């Protein structure tokens, strides 16, 4: 079995077998390059889309548990869940090709941890009762009792919207108070999905280890201030999942070659040359020049897609389109999160 499942990257020059079980109970080990190493376990490829949701969740739990066990010994930059590399040589290629970005991110995240904070209403039913008793809502309820049945439905919708608006306003005020309290003791934040009406805030914070006590004291102060209304849940310390989880990117060799051919590039090209060729070709391929051709829009979209492939492939002053270089192309990039994703 030569395939490797990737958990993340640590700063160590040593090849080690770690006493930590990972996917399918395979033991973790490190594959080093210079002063960094990939944390991996032996693996076979998994088609995640074929698995039941519960099985995928179980694997995710194992993935995170293994990373957090490594964190007890080393600062680790997590890899994206499900990252499989078909052989050890490819792991070495990742480390060698992407040494400087990985090393830079390890240095950037040194002595920094993630703390996840969830804030919930302690008694949502009681809160809804209070909102229902507010004058603006109470007025609509009185109208509902007096109006004819054909008006009842519209008034009920108005009442629901008014209750929702009050709840949203209260949620925003509470969330802002928490953010204002925790921002001075953290470096960054990443909001995540608020799953239901009970949840006010679900947010990850990047915290320097020496400020963890101050962060926890702010949570305690908030909890004491709102003990009768709110519940605070704090999870961590964690690796920086929400801030620097890395994903391995590989491009299809045929897609790269097709894009090169479309742009009429030679066996080497610079970023400036590719951008200039894009501007030149965009003028001649733009659909506005072919109002009677229904295929023009599709051609232009394929052209733009090829440009995106070339931009991703060409890094630095120049890039090579020799077959061996295309085949060995690999990149490590931080995952991009938007509010509400994880």
Protein backbone atom coordinates (compact mmCIF):
# COMPACT_ATOMS: atom_id res chain seq x y z
CA UNK A 1 0.00 0.00 0.00
CA UNK A 2 1.75 3.16 -1.21
CA UNK A 3 -1.17 5.62 -1.05
CA UNK A 4 -1.08 8.27 1.66
CA UNK A 5 -3.82 10.15 3.50
CA UNK A 6 -2.64 13.65 4.42
CA UNK A 7 -3.54 15.20 7.79
CA UNK A 8 -1.33 18.28 7.73
CA UNK A 9 2.15 19.73 8.04
CA UNK A 10 4.45 20.17 11.04
CA UNK A 11 7.88 21.64 11.58
CA UNK A 12 10.30 18.77 12.16
CA UNK A 13 13.21 17.32 10.15
CA UNK A 14 12.54 13.80 11.42
CA UNK A 15 10.78 10.79 9.94
CA UNK A 16 8.76 9.34 12.81
CA UNK A 17 6.04 6.83 13.49
CA UNK A 18 3.48 8.51 15.75
CA UNK A 19 1.47 6.57 18.29
CA UNK A 20 -1.75 7.98 16.85
CA UNK A 21 -4.40 6.06 14.92
CA UNK A 22 -5.89 7.72 11.88
CA UNK A 23 -8.15 6.69 9.04
CA UNK A 24 -9.09 2.99 9.13
CA UNK A 25 -6.92 2.65 12.26
CA UNK A 26 -3.72 3.17 10.26
CA UNK A 27 -0.94 4.71 12.36
CA UNK A 28 0.29 8.20 11.56
CA UNK A 29 3.86 8.91 10.53
CA UNK A 30 5.83 11.84 9.17
CA UNK A 31 7.51 12.25 5.80
CA UNK A 32 10.12 15.01 6.15
CA UNK A 33 11.75 17.45 3.78
CA UNK A 34 14.39 19.78 5.21
CA UNK A 35 12.84 21.11 8.44
CA UNK A 36 9.15 20.41 7.69
CA UNK A 37 7.17 17.20 7.37
CA UNK A 38 3.85 15.90 6.11
CA UNK A 39 1.77 13.93 8.61
CA UNK A 40 0.26 10.94 6.80
CA UNK A 41 -1.04 7.42 7.18
CA UNK A 42 -1.22 4.55 4.69
CA UNK A 43 -4.46 4.69 2.76
CA UNK A 44 -6.47 3.54 -0.21
CA UNK A 45 -8.54 5.98 -2.27
CA UNK A 46 -12.08 6.56 -1.04
CA UNK A 47 -14.97 7.68 -3.23
CA UNK A 48 -16.64 9.93 -0.69
CA UNK A 49 -19.77 10.45 -2.76
CA UNK A 50 -20.51 6.72 -2.53
CA UNK A 51 -20.51 6.70 1.27
CA UNK A 52 -23.52 7.33 3.55
CA UNK A 53 -23.48 10.68 5.28
CA UNK A 54 -23.00 9.03 8.68
CA UNK A 55 -19.89 7.22 7.44
CA UNK A 56 -18.39 10.43 6.03
CA UNK A 57 -19.06 12.17 9.35
CA UNK A 58 -17.33 9.32 11.18
CA UNK A 59 -14.28 9.71 8.94
CA UNK A 60 -14.31 13.48 9.51
CA UNK A 61 -14.34 12.91 13.27
CA UNK A 62 -11.36 10.55 12.94
CA UNK A 63 -9.55 13.08 10.73
CA UNK A 64 -9.97 15.87 13.27
CA UNK A 65 -9.19 13.66 16.27
CA UNK A 66 -5.90 12.62 14.66
CA UNK A 67 -4.92 16.23 13.90
CA UNK A 68 -5.77 17.34 17.43
CA UNK A 69 -3.72 14.45 18.87
CA UNK A 70 -0.74 15.60 16.79
CA UNK A 71 -1.35 19.14 18.07
CA UNK A 72 -0.51 17.95 21.59
CA UNK A 73 3.08 17.43 20.41
CA UNK A 74 3.55 19.78 17.44
CA UNK A 75 1.98 22.87 15.98
CA UNK A 76 0.18 21.53 12.92
CA UNK A 77 -1.33 23.19 9.88
CA UNK A 78 -4.31 20.99 8.92
CA UNK A 79 -4.88 19.58 5.45
CA UNK A 80 -8.33 19.53 3.88
CA UNK A 81 -10.45 16.57 4.90
CA UNK A 82 -10.26 13.76 2.38
CA UNK A 83 -6.83 14.61 0.91
CA UNK A 84 -5.38 11.47 -0.65
CA UNK A 85 -2.06 11.24 -2.49
CA UNK A 86 -1.44 8.10 -4.53
CA UNK A 87 2.18 7.57 -3.49
CA UNK A 88 4.98 8.70 -1.20
CA UNK A 89 6.85 10.31 -4.09
CA UNK A 90 3.99 12.72 -4.61
CA UNK A 91 4.12 13.67 -0.91
CA UNK A 92 7.83 14.43 -1.37
CA UNK A 93 6.98 16.49 -4.45
CA UNK A 94 4.46 18.54 -2.46
CA UNK A 95 7.02 19.21 0.27
CA UNK A 96 9.79 20.09 -2.18
CA UNK A 97 7.73 22.20 -4.58
CA UNK A 98 5.72 24.00 -1.91
CA UNK A 99 8.37 24.14 0.81
CA UNK A 100 8.45 27.92 1.11
CA UNK A 101 4.65 28.50 1.27
CA UNK A 102 4.23 25.67 3.81
CA UNK A 103 7.17 26.89 5.88
CA UNK A 104 5.82 30.44 5.77
CA UNK A 105 2.36 29.37 6.97
CA UNK A 106 3.88 27.28 9.78
CA UNK A 107 5.80 30.35 10.91
CA UNK A 108 2.74 32.58 10.58
CA UNK A 109 0.61 30.25 12.71
CA UNK A 110 3.27 29.58 15.35
CA UNK A 111 1.82 30.03 18.85
CA UNK A 112 -1.65 30.66 17.44
CA UNK A 113 -4.71 28.51 18.03
CA UNK A 114 -8.36 28.45 17.05
CA UNK A 115 -11.12 28.87 19.61
CA UNK A 116 -14.69 28.19 18.49
CA UNK A 117 -17.45 30.05 20.29
CA UNK A 118 -21.15 29.20 20.07
CA UNK A 119 -23.78 31.39 21.74
CA UNK A 120 -27.36 30.14 22.22
CA UNK A 121 -30.57 31.38 23.78
CA UNK A 122 -31.03 29.58 27.08
CA UNK A 123 -34.86 29.43 26.83
CA UNK A 124 -36.06 30.13 23.30
CA UNK A 125 -39.72 29.35 24.05
CA UNK A 126 -39.78 31.95 26.83
CA UNK A 127 -38.08 34.45 24.55
CA UNK A 128 -40.73 33.95 21.86
CA UNK A 129 -43.43 34.48 24.49
CA UNK A 130 -41.83 37.80 25.47
CA UNK A 131 -41.60 38.90 21.83
CA UNK A 132 -45.23 37.89 21.27
CA UNK A 133 -46.23 40.18 24.14
CA UNK A 134 -44.55 43.26 22.67
CA UNK A 135 -47.02 46.02 21.67
CA UNK A 136 -46.28 45.82 17.92
CA UNK A 137 -46.99 42.09 17.86
CA UNK A 138 -49.86 42.30 20.33
CA UNK A 139 -51.63 44.85 18.10
CA UNK A 140 -51.52 42.42 15.17
CA UNK A 141 -52.84 39.61 17.38
CA UNK A 142 -55.81 41.79 18.40
CA UNK A 143 -56.54 42.53 14.76
CA UNK A 144 -56.43 38.80 14.02
CA UNK A 145 -59.14 38.25 16.65
CA UNK A 146 -61.32 40.98 15.16
CA UNK A 147 -60.81 40.56 11.42
CA UNK A 148 -62.76 38.35 9.08
CA UNK A 149 -61.34 34.89 8.33
CA UNK A 150 -60.13 35.96 4.86
CA UNK A 151 -57.81 38.53 6.49
CA UNK A 152 -56.53 36.17 9.16
CA UNK A 153 -53.84 34.57 7.01
CA UNK A 154 -52.25 37.88 5.95
CA UNK A 155 -52.22 39.14 9.54
CA UNK A 156 -50.64 35.90 10.70
CA UNK A 157 -47.86 36.39 8.14
CA UNK A 158 -47.37 39.97 9.37
CA UNK A 159 -47.10 38.73 12.96
CA UNK A 160 -44.54 36.09 11.97
CA UNK A 161 -42.43 38.63 10.12
CA UNK A 162 -42.57 41.01 13.09
CA UNK A 163 -41.48 38.27 15.51
CA UNK A 164 -38.64 37.29 13.16
CA UNK A 165 -37.52 40.91 12.86
CA UNK A 166 -37.42 41.28 16.65
CA UNK A 167 -35.46 38.03 17.01
CA UNK A 168 -32.99 39.02 14.27
CA UNK A 169 -32.46 42.39 15.94
CA UNK A 170 -31.83 40.79 19.33
CA UNK A 171 -29.50 38.21 17.78
CA UNK A 172 -27.50 40.92 16.03
CA UNK A 173 -27.18 42.96 19.21
CA UNK A 174 -25.95 39.94 21.20
CA UNK A 175 -23.57 38.82 18.46
CA UNK A 176 -22.11 42.32 18.16
CA UNK A 177 -21.58 42.47 21.92
CA UNK A 178 -19.68 39.16 21.84
CA UNK A 179 -17.62 40.23 18.83
CA UNK A 180 -16.76 43.56 20.47
CA UNK A 181 -15.62 41.76 23.62
CA UNK A 182 -13.51 39.12 21.85
CA UNK A 183 -11.99 41.14 19.00
CA UNK A 184 -9.39 42.89 21.24
CA UNK A 185 -8.11 39.50 22.51
CA UNK A 186 -8.01 37.73 19.14
CA UNK A 187 -6.25 38.19 15.81
CA UNK A 188 -8.99 37.18 13.37
CA UNK A 189 -12.45 35.67 13.25
CA UNK A 190 -14.36 33.43 10.86
CA UNK A 191 -18.15 33.26 11.20
CA UNK A 192 -19.76 29.89 10.54
CA UNK A 193 -23.30 28.76 9.87
CA UNK A 194 -25.96 29.66 12.44
CA UNK A 195 -28.01 26.48 12.30
CA UNK A 196 -31.34 27.41 13.93
CA UNK A 197 -33.28 30.06 15.86
CA UNK A 198 -31.74 28.94 19.15
CA UNK A 199 -28.22 29.77 17.93
CA UNK A 200 -27.12 33.41 17.99
CA UNK A 201 -23.48 33.09 17.01
CA UNK A 202 -21.14 30.40 15.69
CA UNK A 203 -17.69 31.83 15.15
CA UNK A 204 -14.04 30.76 15.13
CA UNK A 205 -11.41 33.08 16.60
CA UNK A 206 -7.67 32.99 16.00
CA UNK A 207 -5.94 33.55 19.32
CA UNK A 208 -2.31 33.87 20.35
CA UNK A 209 -1.52 31.22 22.95
CA UNK A 210 -0.26 33.78 25.45
CA UNK A 211 -3.65 35.56 25.24
CA UNK A 212 -5.77 32.49 25.78
CA UNK A 213 -6.37 33.36 29.44
CA UNK A 214 -7.58 36.83 28.48
CA UNK A 215 -9.87 35.33 25.83
CA UNK A 216 -11.38 32.88 28.31
CA UNK A 217 -11.86 35.65 30.89
CA UNK A 218 -13.86 37.65 28.35
CA UNK A 219 -16.08 34.62 27.72
CA UNK A 220 -16.53 34.19 31.49
CA UNK A 221 -17.47 37.87 31.85
CA UNK A 222 -20.04 37.59 29.06
CA UNK A 223 -21.43 34.41 30.60
CA UNK A 224 -21.78 36.06 34.01
CA UNK A 225 -23.46 39.10 32.47
CA UNK A 226 -26.02 37.07 30.51
CA UNK A 227 -26.25 33.90 32.57
CA UNK A 228 -30.06 33.96 32.74
CA UNK A 229 -30.51 34.47 29.00
CA UNK A 230 -27.58 32.99 27.08
CA UNK A 231 -25.49 29.83 26.98
CA UNK A 232 -21.84 30.10 25.91
CA UNK A 233 -19.98 27.09 24.51
CA UNK A 234 -16.26 27.33 23.87
CA UNK A 235 -14.38 24.63 21.95
CA UNK A 236 -10.60 24.55 21.84
CA UNK A 237 -7.73 25.00 21.70
CA UNK A 238 -7.87 23.69 18.14
CA UNK A 239 -5.54 23.76 15.15
CA UNK A 240 -6.31 26.71 12.85
CA UNK A 241 -8.95 24.82 10.85
CA UNK A 242 -10.89 27.94 9.89
CA UNK A 243 -7.88 30.09 9.06
CA UNK A 244 -5.14 28.02 7.45
CA UNK A 245 -6.45 24.62 6.39
CA UNK A 246 -4.43 23.69 3.30
CA UNK A 247 -5.67 21.93 0.22
CA UNK A 248 -3.64 20.21 -2.46
CA UNK A 249 -4.40 21.45 -5.95
CA UNK A 250 -3.57 19.50 -9.10
CA UNK A 251 -4.54 20.49 -12.61
CA UNK A 252 -5.39 18.07 -15.39
CA UNK A 253 -2.44 17.84 -17.79
CA UNK A 254 -4.75 17.77 -20.83
CA UNK A 255 -6.56 20.91 -19.63
CA UNK A 256 -3.24 22.75 -19.29
CA UNK A 257 -2.06 21.68 -22.74
CA UNK A 258 -5.41 22.59 -24.32
CA UNK A 259 -5.30 26.03 -22.68
CA UNK A 260 -1.72 26.55 -23.91
CA UNK A 261 -2.77 25.62 -27.44
CA UNK A 262 -5.83 27.88 -27.36
CA UNK A 263 -3.63 30.82 -26.31
CA UNK A 264 -0.98 29.90 -28.91
CA UNK A 265 1.78 29.82 -26.30
CA UNK A 266 5.17 28.22 -26.73
CA UNK A 267 6.85 25.77 -24.37
CA UNK A 268 7.48 28.59 -21.90
CA UNK A 269 5.48 31.69 -21.06
CA UNK A 270 5.42 34.51 -18.55
CA UNK A 271 2.44 35.79 -16.61
CA UNK A 272 2.72 39.11 -18.45
CA UNK A 273 2.64 37.31 -21.79
CA UNK A 274 -0.43 35.31 -20.80
CA UNK A 275 -2.28 38.43 -19.59
CA UNK A 276 -1.41 40.30 -22.79
CA UNK A 277 -2.62 37.37 -24.91
CA UNK A 278 -5.85 37.26 -22.90
CA UNK A 279 -6.58 40.95 -23.48
CA UNK A 280 -5.82 40.60 -27.19
CA UNK A 281 -8.00 37.52 -27.66
CA UNK A 282 -10.86 38.80 -25.47
CA UNK A 283 -11.41 41.66 -27.89
CA UNK A 284 -11.85 39.30 -30.85
CA UNK A 285 -13.80 36.56 -29.04
CA UNK A 286 -16.24 38.68 -27.05
CA UNK A 287 -19.87 37.59 -27.73
CA UNK A 288 -20.91 41.19 -28.48
CA UNK A 289 -18.98 40.88 -31.75
CA UNK A 290 -21.15 37.93 -32.81
CA UNK A 291 -24.77 38.87 -32.01
CA UNK A 292 -26.12 36.34 -34.52
CA UNK A 293 -23.95 33.42 -33.35
CA UNK A 294 -25.56 31.43 -30.49
CA UNK A 295 -22.27 29.58 -29.87
CA UNK A 296 -20.28 32.76 -29.21
CA UNK A 297 -21.09 32.88 -25.51
CA UNK A 298 -20.01 29.27 -25.03
CA UNK A 299 -16.71 29.89 -26.86
CA UNK A 300 -16.04 32.92 -24.68
CA UNK A 301 -16.74 30.93 -21.50
CA UNK A 302 -14.33 28.19 -22.59
CA UNK A 303 -11.74 30.86 -23.36
CA UNK A 304 -12.13 32.37 -19.87
CA UNK A 305 -11.91 28.93 -18.29
CA UNK A 306 -8.64 28.31 -20.14
CA UNK A 307 -7.33 31.62 -18.84
CA UNK A 308 -8.16 30.63 -15.26
CA UNK A 309 -6.25 27.35 -15.75
CA UNK A 310 -3.21 29.21 -17.10
CA UNK A 311 -3.31 31.72 -14.24
CA UNK A 312 -3.39 28.88 -11.70
CA UNK A 313 -0.64 26.97 -13.49
CA UNK A 314 1.81 29.81 -14.11
CA UNK A 315 3.45 30.99 -10.93
CA UNK A 316 6.49 33.23 -10.83
CA UNK A 317 8.15 35.00 -13.72
CA UNK A 318 7.92 32.09 -16.15
CA UNK A 319 6.35 28.68 -16.48
CA UNK A 320 7.27 25.63 -18.51
CA UNK A 321 4.83 23.66 -20.62
CA UNK A 322 7.15 20.70 -21.08
CA UNK A 323 5.18 17.48 -20.51
CA UNK A 324 7.24 16.45 -17.47
CA UNK A 325 6.69 19.86 -15.83
CA UNK A 326 2.96 19.78 -16.51
CA UNK A 327 2.70 16.26 -15.10
CA UNK A 328 4.56 17.20 -11.90
CA UNK A 329 2.64 20.42 -11.25
CA UNK A 330 1.16 20.57 -7.76
CA UNK A 331 0.27 23.39 -5.39
CA UNK A 332 -0.71 23.88 -1.77
CA UNK A 333 -3.19 26.64 -1.06
CA UNK A 334 -5.11 27.81 1.99
CA UNK A 335 -8.79 26.99 1.66
CA UNK A 336 -11.00 30.00 1.21
CA UNK A 337 -13.86 30.33 3.66
CA UNK A 338 -16.86 32.56 3.43
CA UNK A 339 -19.25 33.32 6.25
CA UNK A 340 -21.47 30.32 6.83
CA UNK A 341 -19.07 27.66 5.51
CA UNK A 342 -16.81 25.24 7.29
